[in-house]
PDB file of N, CA and C in Angstrom:
ATOM      1  N   LYS A   1       0.830  -1.203   0.000  1.00  0.00           N
ATOM      2  CA  LYS A   1       0.000   0.000   0.000  1.00  0.00           C
ATOM      3  C   LYS A   1       0.868   1.259   0.000  1.00  0.00           C
ATOM      4  N   ASP A   2       1.934   1.285   0.796  1.00  0.00           N
ATOM      5  CA  ASP A   2       2.815   2.456   0.821  1.00  0.00           C
ATOM      6  C   ASP A   2       3.466   2.678  -0.536  1.00  0.00           C
ATOM      7  N   GLU A   3       3.864   1.565  -1.184  1.00  0.00           N
ATOM      8  CA  GLU A   3       4.481   1.681  -2.504  1.00  0.00           C
ATOM      9  C   GLU A   3       3.474   2.242  -3.503  1.00  0.00           C
ATOM     10  N   GLN A   4       2.237   1.779  -3.430  1.00  0.00           N
ATOM     11  CA  GLN A   4       1.216   2.293  -4.331  1.00  0.00           C
ATOM     12  C   GLN A   4       0.929   3.764  -4.068  1.00  0.00           C
ATOM     13  N   ASP A   5       0.871   4.136  -2.788  1.00  0.00           N
ATOM     14  CA  ASP A   5       0.660   5.551  -2.460  1.00  0.00           C
ATOM     15  C   ASP A   5       1.761   6.414  -3.062  1.00  0.00           C
ATOM     16  N   ARG A   6       2.989   5.943  -2.966  1.00  0.00           N
ATOM     17  CA  ARG A   6       4.126   6.687  -3.536  1.00  0.00           C
ATOM     18  C   ARG A   6       3.997   6.783  -5.055  1.00  0.00           C
ATOM     19  N   PHE A   7       3.636   5.670  -5.698  1.00  0.00           N
ATOM     20  CA  PHE A   7       3.449   5.666  -7.150  1.00  0.00           C
ATOM     21  C   PHE A   7       2.430   6.728  -7.551  1.00  0.00           C
ATOM     22  N   TYR A   8       1.270   6.716  -6.903  1.00  0.00           N
ATOM     23  CA  TYR A   8       0.218   7.660  -7.283  1.00  0.00           C
ATOM     24  C   TYR A   8       0.596   9.100  -6.966  1.00  0.00           C
ATOM     25  N   GLN A   9       1.302   9.300  -5.865  1.00  0.00           N
ATOM     26  CA  GLN A   9       1.767  10.648  -5.536  1.00  0.00           C
ATOM     27  C   GLN A   9       2.695  11.169  -6.637  1.00  0.00           C
ATOM     28  N   LEU A  10       3.638  10.353  -7.052  1.00  0.00           N
ATOM     29  CA  LEU A  10       4.574  10.765  -8.101  1.00  0.00           C
ATOM     30  C   LEU A  10       3.872  10.922  -9.448  1.00  0.00           C
ATOM     31  N   LEU A  11       2.962  10.002  -9.747  1.00  0.00           N
ATOM     32  CA  LEU A  11       2.234  10.087 -11.016  1.00  0.00           C
ATOM     33  C   LEU A  11       1.423  11.376 -11.092  1.00  0.00           C
ATOM     34  N   MET A  12       0.696  11.678 -10.025  1.00  0.00           N
ATOM     35  CA  MET A  12      -0.114  12.908 -10.023  1.00  0.00           C
ATOM     36  C   MET A  12       0.784  14.132 -10.128  1.00  0.00           C
ATOM     37  N   GLY A  13       1.931  14.091  -9.465  1.00  0.00           N
ATOM     38  CA  GLY A  13       2.863  15.206  -9.546  1.00  0.00           C
ATOM     39  C   GLY A  13       3.415  15.413 -10.943  1.00  0.00           C
ATOM     40  N   ALA A  14       3.500  14.324 -11.709  1.00  0.00           N
ATOM     41  CA  ALA A  14       4.007  14.420 -13.079  1.00  0.00           C
ATOM     42  C   ALA A  14       2.906  14.781 -14.071  1.00  0.00           C
ATOM     43  N   VAL A  15       1.727  14.234 -13.863  1.00  0.00           N
ATOM     44  CA  VAL A  15       0.667  14.339 -14.865  1.00  0.00           C
ATOM     45  C   VAL A  15      -0.212  15.577 -14.694  1.00  0.00           C
ATOM     46  N   LEU A  16      -0.624  15.864 -13.474  1.00  0.00           N
ATOM     47  CA  LEU A  16      -1.581  16.958 -13.276  1.00  0.00           C
ATOM     48  C   LEU A  16      -1.069  18.318 -13.744  1.00  0.00           C
ATOM     49  N   PRO A  17       0.169  18.708 -13.422  1.00  0.00           N
ATOM     50  CA  PRO A  17       0.633  20.009 -13.916  1.00  0.00           C
ATOM     51  C   PRO A  17       0.835  20.032 -15.432  1.00  0.00           C
ATOM     52  N   LEU A  18       1.211  18.896 -16.001  1.00  0.00           N
ATOM     53  CA  LEU A  18       1.521  18.841 -17.427  1.00  0.00           C
ATOM     54  C   LEU A  18       0.258  18.790 -18.286  1.00  0.00           C
ATOM     55  N   LEU A  19      -0.691  17.960 -17.883  1.00  0.00           N
ATOM     56  CA  LEU A  19      -1.881  17.735 -18.706  1.00  0.00           C
ATOM     57  C   LEU A  19      -3.131  18.417 -18.166  1.00  0.00           C
ATOM     58  N   GLY A  20      -3.082  18.840 -16.915  1.00  0.00           N
ATOM     59  CA  GLY A  20      -4.273  19.436 -16.312  1.00  0.00           C
ATOM     60  C   GLY A  20      -3.991  20.784 -15.699  1.00  0.00           C
ATOM     61  N   ASP A  21      -4.828  21.134 -14.738  1.00  0.00           N
ATOM     62  CA  ASP A  21      -4.692  22.432 -14.084  1.00  0.00           C
ATOM     63  C   ASP A  21      -4.022  22.320 -12.714  1.00  0.00           C
ATOM     64  N   GLY A  22      -3.452  21.162 -12.420  1.00  0.00           N
ATOM     65  CA  GLY A  22      -2.820  20.930 -11.134  1.00  0.00           C
ATOM     66  C   GLY A  22      -3.703  20.161 -10.170  1.00  0.00           C
ATOM     67  N   ASN A  23      -5.015  20.195 -10.404  1.00  0.00           N
ATOM     68  CA  ASN A  23      -5.966  19.507  -9.535  1.00  0.00           C
ATOM     69  C   ASN A  23      -6.808  18.472 -10.259  1.00  0.00           C
ATOM     70  N   SER A  24      -6.958  18.650 -11.549  1.00  0.00           N
ATOM     71  CA  SER A  24      -7.807  17.746 -12.327  1.00  0.00           C
ATOM     72  C   SER A  24      -7.321  17.690 -13.770  1.00  0.00           C
ATOM     73  N   LEU A  25      -7.859  16.715 -14.501  1.00  0.00           N
ATOM     74  CA  LEU A  25      -7.551  16.554 -15.919  1.00  0.00           C
ATOM     75  C   LEU A  25      -8.838  16.591 -16.706  1.00  0.00           C
ATOM     76  N   SER A  26      -8.744  17.009 -17.954  1.00  0.00           N
ATOM     77  CA  SER A  26      -9.914  16.907 -18.821  1.00  0.00           C
ATOM     78  C   SER A  26     -10.164  15.426 -19.093  1.00  0.00           C
ATOM     79  N   ALA A  27     -11.382  15.099 -19.427  1.00  0.00           N
ATOM     80  CA  ALA A  27     -11.726  13.712 -19.741  1.00  0.00           C
ATOM     81  C   ALA A  27     -10.884  13.211 -20.913  1.00  0.00           C
ATOM     82  N   ASP A  28     -10.624  14.067 -21.884  1.00  0.00           N
ATOM     83  CA  ASP A  28      -9.805  13.666 -23.035  1.00  0.00           C
ATOM     84  C   ASP A  28      -8.406  13.243 -22.600  1.00  0.00           C
ATOM     85  N   HIS A  29      -7.813  14.000 -21.688  1.00  0.00           N
ATOM     86  CA  HIS A  29      -6.481  13.644 -21.198  1.00  0.00           C
ATOM     87  C   HIS A  29      -6.513  12.357 -20.379  1.00  0.00           C
ATOM     88  N   VAL A  30      -7.581  12.157 -19.635  1.00  0.00           N
ATOM     89  CA  VAL A  30      -7.710  10.920 -18.855  1.00  0.00           C
ATOM     90  C   VAL A  30      -7.805   9.723 -19.791  1.00  0.00           C
ATOM     91  N   VAL A  31      -8.635   9.830 -20.803  1.00  0.00           N
ATOM     92  CA  VAL A  31      -8.773   8.732 -21.768  1.00  0.00           C
ATOM     93  C   VAL A  31      -7.427   8.468 -22.436  1.00  0.00           C
ATOM     94  N   SER A  32      -6.728   9.526 -22.816  1.00  0.00           N
ATOM     95  CA  SER A  32      -5.418   9.380 -23.441  1.00  0.00           C
ATOM     96  C   SER A  32      -4.445   8.666 -22.507  1.00  0.00           C
ATOM     97  N   LEU A  33      -4.454   9.032 -21.224  1.00  0.00           N
ATOM     98  CA  LEU A  33      -3.579   8.391 -20.241  1.00  0.00           C
ATOM     99  C   LEU A  33      -3.958   6.921 -20.068  1.00  0.00           C
ATOM    100  N   LEU A  34      -5.247   6.640 -19.947  1.00  0.00           N
ATOM    101  CA  LEU A  34      -5.691   5.262 -19.755  1.00  0.00           C
ATOM    102  C   LEU A  34      -5.402   4.394 -20.981  1.00  0.00           C
ATOM    103  N   GLN A  35      -5.406   4.992 -22.161  1.00  0.00           N
ATOM    104  CA  GLN A  35      -5.092   4.230 -23.369  1.00  0.00           C
ATOM    105  C   GLN A  35      -3.656   3.719 -23.351  1.00  0.00           C
ATOM    106  N   ARG A  36      -2.814   4.325 -22.535  1.00  0.00           N
ATOM    107  CA  ARG A  36      -1.432   3.870 -22.400  1.00  0.00           C
ATOM    108  C   ARG A  36      -1.349   2.519 -21.676  1.00  0.00           C
ATOM    109  N   ALA A  37      -2.470   2.067 -21.120  1.00  0.00           N
ATOM    110  CA  ALA A  37      -2.496   0.803 -20.383  1.00  0.00           C
ATOM    111  C   ALA A  37      -2.666  -0.397 -21.304  1.00  0.00           C
ATOM    112  N   GLY A  38      -2.963  -0.155 -22.575  1.00  0.00           N
ATOM    113  CA  GLY A  38      -3.118  -1.257 -23.518  1.00  0.00           C
ATOM    114  C   GLY A  38      -4.419  -2.019 -23.374  1.00  0.00           C
ATOM    115  N   LEU A  39      -5.433  -1.405 -22.772  1.00  0.00           N
ATOM    116  CA  LEU A  39      -6.738  -2.050 -22.642  1.00  0.00           C
ATOM    117  C   LEU A  39      -7.473  -2.000 -23.975  1.00  0.00           C
ATOM    118  N   SER A  40      -8.376  -2.941 -24.167  1.00  0.00           N
ATOM    119  CA  SER A  40      -9.242  -2.886 -25.343  1.00  0.00           C
ATOM    120  C   SER A  40     -10.211  -1.718 -25.153  1.00  0.00           C
ATOM    121  N   GLU A  41     -10.863  -1.308 -26.224  1.00  0.00           N
ATOM    122  CA  GLU A  41     -11.830  -0.215 -26.134  1.00  0.00           C
ATOM    123  C   GLU A  41     -12.955  -0.581 -25.165  1.00  0.00           C
ATOM    124  N   MET A  42     -13.386  -1.832 -25.193  1.00  0.00           N
ATOM    125  CA  MET A  42     -14.458  -2.275 -24.293  1.00  0.00           C
ATOM    126  C   MET A  42     -14.000  -2.229 -22.834  1.00  0.00           C
ATOM    127  N   GLN A  43     -12.778  -2.679 -22.570  1.00  0.00           N
ATOM    128  CA  GLN A  43     -12.253  -2.623 -21.203  1.00  0.00           C
ATOM    129  C   GLN A  43     -12.136  -1.184 -20.719  1.00  0.00           C
ATOM    130  N   LEU A  44     -11.709  -0.299 -21.600  1.00  0.00           N
ATOM    131  CA  LEU A  44     -11.589   1.112 -21.245  1.00  0.00           C
ATOM    132  C   LEU A  44     -12.964   1.690 -20.912  1.00  0.00           C
ATOM    133  N   GLN A  45     -13.953   1.411 -21.753  1.00  0.00           N
ATOM    134  CA  GLN A  45     -15.305   1.914 -21.520  1.00  0.00           C
ATOM    135  C   GLN A  45     -15.896   1.341 -20.229  1.00  0.00           C
ATOM    136  N   ASP A  46     -15.660   0.043 -19.979  1.00  0.00           N
ATOM    137  CA  ASP A  46     -16.150  -0.582 -18.742  1.00  0.00           C
ATOM    138  C   ASP A  46     -15.509   0.057 -17.514  1.00  0.00           C
ATOM    139  N   THR A  47     -14.230   0.390 -17.617  1.00  0.00           N
ATOM    140  CA  THR A  47     -13.510   1.019 -16.511  1.00  0.00           C
ATOM    141  C   THR A  47     -14.074   2.411 -16.235  1.00  0.00           C
ATOM    142  N   LEU A  48     -14.273   3.197 -17.274  1.00  0.00           N
ATOM    143  CA  LEU A  48     -14.847   4.534 -17.114  1.00  0.00           C
ATOM    144  C   LEU A  48     -16.258   4.447 -16.540  1.00  0.00           C
ATOM    145  N   ALA A  49     -17.051   3.500 -17.035  1.00  0.00           N
ATOM    146  CA  ALA A  49     -18.432   3.336 -16.564  1.00  0.00           C
ATOM    147  C   ALA A  49     -18.476   2.892 -15.108  1.00  0.00           C
ATOM    148  N   ALA A  50     -17.527   2.061 -14.699  1.00  0.00           N
ATOM    149  CA  ALA A  50     -17.509   1.566 -13.313  1.00  0.00           C
ATOM    150  C   ALA A  50     -17.385   2.713 -12.321  1.00  0.00           C
ATOM    151  N   GLU A  51     -16.705   3.778 -12.719  1.00  0.00           N
ATOM    152  CA  GLU A  51     -16.536   4.943 -11.850  1.00  0.00           C
ATOM    153  C   GLU A  51     -17.516   6.062 -12.200  1.00  0.00           C
ATOM    154  N   GLY A  52     -18.383   5.825 -13.170  1.00  0.00           N
ATOM    155  CA  GLY A  52     -19.378   6.830 -13.530  1.00  0.00           C
ATOM    156  C   GLY A  52     -18.792   8.109 -14.085  1.00  0.00           C
ATOM    157  N   VAL A  53     -17.715   7.984 -14.854  1.00  0.00           N
ATOM    158  CA  VAL A  53     -17.044   9.164 -15.400  1.00  0.00           C
ATOM    159  C   VAL A  53     -17.928   9.855 -16.438  1.00  0.00           C
ATOM    160  N   ASN A  54     -18.101  11.149 -16.255  1.00  0.00           N
ATOM    161  CA  ASN A  54     -18.810  11.983 -17.215  1.00  0.00           C
ATOM    162  C   ASN A  54     -17.735  12.616 -18.099  1.00  0.00           C
ATOM    163  N   LEU A  55     -17.723  12.254 -19.367  1.00  0.00           N
ATOM    164  CA  LEU A  55     -16.670  12.734 -20.267  1.00  0.00           C
ATOM    165  C   LEU A  55     -16.784  14.223 -20.595  1.00  0.00           C
ATOM    166  N   GLN A  56     -17.780  14.885 -20.043  1.00  0.00           N
ATOM    167  CA  GLN A  56     -17.937  16.325 -20.252  1.00  0.00           C
ATOM    168  C   GLN A  56     -17.359  17.134 -19.085  1.00  0.00           C
ATOM    169  N   GLU A  57     -16.909  16.443 -18.025  1.00  0.00           N
ATOM    170  CA  GLU A  57     -16.430  17.140 -16.833  1.00  0.00           C
ATOM    171  C   GLU A  57     -14.974  16.778 -16.530  1.00  0.00           C
ATOM    172  N   PRO A  58     -14.252  17.682 -15.859  1.00  0.00           N
ATOM    173  CA  PRO A  58     -12.882  17.366 -15.446  1.00  0.00           C
ATOM    174  C   PRO A  58     -12.869  16.179 -14.478  1.00  0.00           C
ATOM    175  N   VAL A  59     -11.751  15.483 -14.456  1.00  0.00           N
ATOM    176  CA  VAL A  59     -11.574  14.318 -13.585  1.00  0.00           C
ATOM    177  C   VAL A  59     -10.580  14.695 -12.488  1.00  0.00           C
ATOM    178  N   SER A  60     -11.007  14.550 -11.252  1.00  0.00           N
ATOM    179  CA  SER A  60     -10.152  14.903 -10.107  1.00  0.00           C
ATOM    180  C   SER A  60      -9.035  13.878  -9.941  1.00  0.00           C
ATOM    181  N   ALA A  61      -8.038  14.248  -9.161  1.00  0.00           N
ATOM    182  CA  ALA A  61      -6.926  13.339  -8.870  1.00  0.00           C
ATOM    183  C   ALA A  61      -7.430  12.077  -8.180  1.00  0.00           C
ATOM    184  N   ASP A  62      -8.390  12.212  -7.264  1.00  0.00           N
ATOM    185  CA  ASP A  62      -8.927  11.037  -6.561  1.00  0.00           C
ATOM    186  C   ASP A  62      -9.634  10.095  -7.524  1.00  0.00           C
ATOM    187  N   LEU A  63     -10.426  10.656  -8.417  1.00  0.00           N
ATOM    188  CA  LEU A  63     -11.124   9.822  -9.395  1.00  0.00           C
ATOM    189  C   LEU A  63     -10.128   9.177 -10.358  1.00  0.00           C
ATOM    190  N   LEU A  64      -9.105   9.912 -10.742  1.00  0.00           N
ATOM    191  CA  LEU A  64      -8.074   9.344 -11.615  1.00  0.00           C
ATOM    192  C   LEU A  64      -7.398   8.164 -10.930  1.00  0.00           C
ATOM    193  N   ARG A  65      -7.083   8.289  -9.657  1.00  0.00           N
ATOM    194  CA  ARG A  65      -6.475   7.165  -8.935  1.00  0.00           C
ATOM    195  C   ARG A  65      -7.422   5.961  -8.936  1.00  0.00           C
ATOM    196  N   ASN A  66      -8.704   6.208  -8.669  1.00  0.00           N
ATOM    197  CA  ASN A  66      -9.682   5.114  -8.688  1.00  0.00           C
ATOM    198  C   ASN A  66      -9.687   4.419 -10.050  1.00  0.00           C
ATOM    199  N   LEU A  67      -9.663   5.203 -11.114  1.00  0.00           N
ATOM    200  CA  LEU A  67      -9.651   4.635 -12.463  1.00  0.00           C
ATOM    201  C   LEU A  67      -8.392   3.806 -12.696  1.00  0.00           C
ATOM    202  N   LEU A  68      -7.258   4.345 -12.287  1.00  0.00           N
ATOM    203  CA  LEU A  68      -5.994   3.631 -12.488  1.00  0.00           C
ATOM    204  C   LEU A  68      -5.922   2.353 -11.654  1.00  0.00           C
ATOM    205  N   GLU A  69      -6.534   2.371 -10.488  1.00  0.00           N
ATOM    206  CA  GLU A  69      -6.594   1.138  -9.698  1.00  0.00           C
ATOM    207  C   GLU A  69      -7.447   0.091 -10.419  1.00  0.00           C
ATOM    208  N   LEU A  70      -8.547   0.519 -11.030  1.00  0.00           N
ATOM    209  CA  LEU A  70      -9.363  -0.409 -11.817  1.00  0.00           C
ATOM    210  C   LEU A  70      -8.568  -0.935 -13.008  1.00  0.00           C
ATOM    211  N   VAL A  71      -7.791  -0.067 -13.639  1.00  0.00           N
ATOM    212  CA  VAL A  71      -6.941  -0.490 -14.755  1.00  0.00           C
ATOM    213  C   VAL A  71      -5.988  -1.588 -14.295  1.00  0.00           C
ATOM    214  N   ALA A  72      -5.384  -1.425 -13.124  1.00  0.00           N
ATOM    215  CA  ALA A  72      -4.470  -2.444 -12.600  1.00  0.00           C
ATOM    216  C   ALA A  72      -5.197  -3.776 -12.408  1.00  0.00           C
ATOM    217  N   HIS A  73      -6.429  -3.713 -11.924  1.00  0.00           N
ATOM    218  CA  HIS A  73      -7.225  -4.941 -11.774  1.00  0.00           C
ATOM    219  C   HIS A  73      -7.469  -5.594 -13.138  1.00  0.00           C
ATOM    220  N   VAL A  74      -7.846  -4.784 -14.120  1.00  0.00           N
ATOM    221  CA  VAL A  74      -8.119  -5.316 -15.467  1.00  0.00           C
ATOM    222  C   VAL A  74      -6.840  -5.914 -16.052  1.00  0.00           C
ATOM    223  N   GLN A  75      -5.726  -5.230 -15.888  1.00  0.00           N
ATOM    224  CA  GLN A  75      -4.454  -5.765 -16.379  1.00  0.00           C
ATOM    225  C   GLN A  75      -4.102  -7.079 -15.689  1.00  0.00           C
ATOM    226  N   GLY A  76      -4.587  -7.255 -14.466  1.00  0.00           N
ATOM    227  CA  GLY A  76      -4.344  -8.485 -13.721  1.00  0.00           C
ATOM    228  C   GLY A  76      -5.327  -9.599 -14.045  1.00  0.00           C
ATOM    229  N   GLY A  77      -6.257  -9.330 -14.975  1.00  0.00           N
ATOM    230  CA  GLY A  77      -7.167 -10.376 -15.425  1.00  0.00           C
ATOM    231  C   GLY A  77      -8.624 -10.197 -15.041  1.00  0.00           C
ATOM    232  N   CYS A  78      -8.955  -9.172 -14.286  1.00  0.00           N
ATOM    233  CA  CYS A  78     -10.350  -8.928 -13.917  1.00  0.00           C
ATOM    234  C   CYS A  78     -11.146  -8.546 -15.165  1.00  0.00           C
ATOM    235  N   GLU A  79     -12.283  -9.195 -15.358  1.00  0.00           N
ATOM    236  CA  GLU A  79     -13.098  -8.916 -16.539  1.00  0.00           C
ATOM    237  C   GLU A  79     -14.224  -7.922 -16.284  1.00  0.00           C
ATOM    238  N   GLU A  80     -14.532  -7.674 -15.009  1.00  0.00           N
ATOM    239  CA  GLU A  80     -15.611  -6.746 -14.673  1.00  0.00           C
ATOM    240  C   GLU A  80     -15.097  -5.706 -13.673  1.00  0.00           C
ATOM    241  N   PRO A  81     -14.631  -4.575 -14.170  1.00  0.00           N
ATOM    242  CA  PRO A  81     -14.072  -3.558 -13.269  1.00  0.00           C
ATOM    243  C   PRO A  81     -15.029  -3.140 -12.154  1.00  0.00           C
ATOM    244  N   ALA A  82     -16.311  -3.082 -12.438  1.00  0.00           N
ATOM    245  CA  ALA A  82     -17.271  -2.655 -11.412  1.00  0.00           C
ATOM    246  C   ALA A  82     -17.266  -3.591 -10.210  1.00  0.00           C
ATOM    247  N   SER A  83     -16.910  -4.847 -10.421  1.00  0.00           N
ATOM    248  CA  SER A  83     -16.939  -5.831  -9.333  1.00  0.00           C
ATOM    249  C   SER A  83     -15.786  -5.649  -8.337  1.00  0.00           C
ATOM    250  N   VAL A  84     -14.766  -4.897  -8.701  1.00  0.00           N
ATOM    251  CA  VAL A  84     -13.617  -4.690  -7.806  1.00  0.00           C
ATOM    252  C   VAL A  84     -13.461  -3.219  -7.415  1.00  0.00           C
ATOM    253  N   ARG A  85     -14.475  -2.450  -7.709  1.00  0.00           N
ATOM    254  CA  ARG A  85     -14.444  -1.024  -7.389  1.00  0.00           C
ATOM    255  C   ARG A  85     -14.202  -0.836  -5.893  1.00  0.00           C
ATOM    256  N   GLY A  86     -13.239   0.004  -5.550  1.00  0.00           N
ATOM    257  CA  GLY A  86     -12.915   0.289  -4.162  1.00  0.00           C
ATOM    258  C   GLY A  86     -11.920  -0.681  -3.542  1.00  0.00           C
ATOM    259  N   GLN A  87     -11.574  -1.735  -4.256  1.00  0.00           N
ATOM    260  CA  GLN A  87     -10.589  -2.690  -3.748  1.00  0.00           C
ATOM    261  C   GLN A  87      -9.202  -2.288  -4.225  1.00  0.00           C
ATOM    262  N   VAL A  88      -8.229  -2.403  -3.354  1.00  0.00           N
ATOM    263  CA  VAL A  88      -6.855  -2.042  -3.703  1.00  0.00           C
ATOM    264  C   VAL A  88      -6.243  -3.205  -4.487  1.00  0.00           C
ATOM    265  N   PRO A  89      -5.755  -2.939  -5.696  1.00  0.00           N
ATOM    266  CA  PRO A  89      -5.117  -4.009  -6.475  1.00  0.00           C
ATOM    267  C   PRO A  89      -3.774  -4.398  -5.862  1.00  0.00           C
ATOM    268  N   ASP A  90      -3.262  -5.540  -6.281  1.00  0.00           N
ATOM    269  CA  ASP A  90      -1.976  -5.982  -5.726  1.00  0.00           C
ATOM    270  C   ASP A  90      -0.791  -5.432  -6.507  1.00  0.00           C
ATOM    271  N   ARG A  91      -1.061  -4.523  -7.431  1.00  0.00           N
ATOM    272  CA  ARG A  91       0.009  -3.924  -8.235  1.00  0.00           C
ATOM    273  C   ARG A  91      -0.436  -2.559  -8.731  1.00  0.00           C
ATOM    274  N   VAL A  92       0.518  -1.801  -9.248  1.00  0.00           N
ATOM    275  CA  VAL A  92       0.187  -0.525  -9.878  1.00  0.00           C
ATOM    276  C   VAL A  92      -0.054  -0.792 -11.362  1.00  0.00           C
ATOM    277  N   PRO A  93      -0.770   0.090 -12.031  1.00  0.00           N
ATOM    278  CA  PRO A  93      -1.005  -0.131 -13.457  1.00  0.00           C
ATOM    279  C   PRO A  93       0.271   0.059 -14.277  1.00  0.00           C
ATOM    280  N   GLN A  94       0.359  -0.680 -15.340  1.00  0.00           N
ATOM    281  CA  GLN A  94       1.464  -0.511 -16.291  1.00  0.00           C
ATOM    282  C   GLN A  94       0.978   0.439 -17.389  1.00  0.00           C
ATOM    283  N   LEU A  95       1.694   1.529 -17.576  1.00  0.00           N
ATOM    284  CA  LEU A  95       1.315   2.535 -18.563  1.00  0.00           C
ATOM    285  C   LEU A  95       2.489   2.796 -19.498  1.00  0.00           C
ATOM    286  N   ARG A  96       2.244   2.672 -20.792  1.00  0.00           N
ATOM    287  CA  ARG A  96       3.292   2.938 -21.777  1.00  0.00           C
ATOM    288  C   ARG A  96       3.839   4.352 -21.576  1.00  0.00           C
ATOM    289  N   GLY A  97       5.153   4.458 -21.557  1.00  0.00           N
ATOM    290  CA  GLY A  97       5.793   5.762 -21.411  1.00  0.00           C
ATOM    291  C   GLY A  97       6.103   6.139 -19.977  1.00  0.00           C
ATOM    292  N   LEU A  98       5.692   5.272 -19.041  1.00  0.00           N
ATOM    293  CA  LEU A  98       5.988   5.500 -17.638  1.00  0.00           C
ATOM    294  C   LEU A  98       6.645   4.249 -17.080  1.00  0.00           C
ATOM    295  N   SER A  99       7.742   4.440 -16.374  1.00  0.00           N
ATOM    296  CA  SER A  99       8.483   3.314 -15.812  1.00  0.00           C
ATOM    297  C   SER A  99       8.544   3.462 -14.302  1.00  0.00           C
ATOM    298  N   TRP A 100       8.090   2.431 -13.577  1.00  0.00           N
ATOM    299  CA  TRP A 100       8.063   2.440 -12.116  1.00  0.00           C
ATOM    300  C   TRP A 100       8.917   1.294 -11.609  1.00  0.00           C
ATOM    301  N   ASP A 101       9.890   1.597 -10.739  1.00  0.00           N
ATOM    302  CA  ASP A 101      10.759   0.542 -10.211  1.00  0.00           C
ATOM    303  C   ASP A 101      10.486   0.253  -8.739  1.00  0.00           C
ATOM    304  N   GLY A 102       9.398   0.756  -8.226  1.00  0.00           N
ATOM    305  CA  GLY A 102       9.062   0.555  -6.825  1.00  0.00           C
ATOM    306  C   GLY A 102       9.439   1.734  -5.949  1.00  0.00           C
ATOM    307  N   LYS A 103      10.273   2.606  -6.491  1.00  0.00           N
ATOM    308  CA  LYS A 103      10.698   3.805  -5.748  1.00  0.00           C
ATOM    309  C   LYS A 103      10.606   5.069  -6.591  1.00  0.00           C
ATOM    310  N   ARG A 104      10.945   4.907  -7.871  1.00  0.00           N
ATOM    311  CA  ARG A 104      10.976   6.073  -8.754  1.00  0.00           C
ATOM    312  C   ARG A 104      10.064   5.864  -9.954  1.00  0.00           C
ATOM    313  N   LEU A 105       9.468   6.962 -10.380  1.00  0.00           N
ATOM    314  CA  LEU A 105       8.643   6.957 -11.577  1.00  0.00           C
ATOM    315  C   LEU A 105       9.371   7.775 -12.629  1.00  0.00           C
ATOM    316  N   ARG A 106       9.602   7.161 -13.780  1.00  0.00           N
ATOM    317  CA  ARG A 106      10.258   7.873 -14.872  1.00  0.00           C
ATOM    318  C   ARG A 106       9.297   8.008 -16.041  1.00  0.00           C
ATOM    319  N   VAL A 107       9.300   9.177 -16.619  1.00  0.00           N
ATOM    320  CA  VAL A 107       8.545   9.400 -17.855  1.00  0.00           C
ATOM    321  C   VAL A 107       9.506   9.106 -18.992  1.00  0.00           C
ATOM    322  N   THR A 108       9.206   8.078 -19.799  1.00  0.00           N
ATOM    323  CA  THR A 108      10.130   7.636 -20.837  1.00  0.00           C
ATOM    324  C   THR A 108       9.729   8.064 -22.238  1.00  0.00           C
ATOM    325  N   GLU A 109       8.555   8.692 -22.353  1.00  0.00           N
ATOM    326  CA  GLU A 109       8.151   9.288 -23.626  1.00  0.00           C
ATOM    327  C   GLU A 109       7.175  10.424 -23.316  1.00  0.00           C
ATOM    328  N   PRO A 110       7.055  11.374 -24.219  1.00  0.00           N
ATOM    329  CA  PRO A 110       6.174  12.522 -23.941  1.00  0.00           C
ATOM    330  C   PRO A 110       4.740  12.079 -23.629  1.00  0.00           C
ATOM    331  N   LEU A 111       4.127  12.738 -22.652  1.00  0.00           N
ATOM    332  CA  LEU A 111       2.765  12.402 -22.262  1.00  0.00           C
ATOM    333  C   LEU A 111       1.728  13.133 -23.093  1.00  0.00           C
ATOM    334  N   CYS A 112       2.152  14.169 -23.787  1.00  0.00           N
ATOM    335  CA  CYS A 112       1.179  14.887 -24.612  1.00  0.00           C
ATOM    336  C   CYS A 112       1.753  15.176 -25.978  1.00  0.00           C
TER     337      CYS A 112
END
């Protein structure tokens, strides 16, 4: 849990100022970030629906973390993101262009 907290703290510190206003991201940027997880379009839509994301409104850091936790579950083989909503996954999500070694988060390709 501490490692995951650190991952999300570093991720938000890297992503929110670059792609958002420091507190939230546009839905377009969230979808773009989630697409880096390599999910199918259906898995992506199921993940967004599980959290009730309105694509017309900004996404807060807390909601983004919830979405990314669902992504980690889906990457781990979960077929129904709504069924694990609120549960802490046993890993952080893998996102293309971001490298996590358990302590440091590196951006390895441009995020925008």
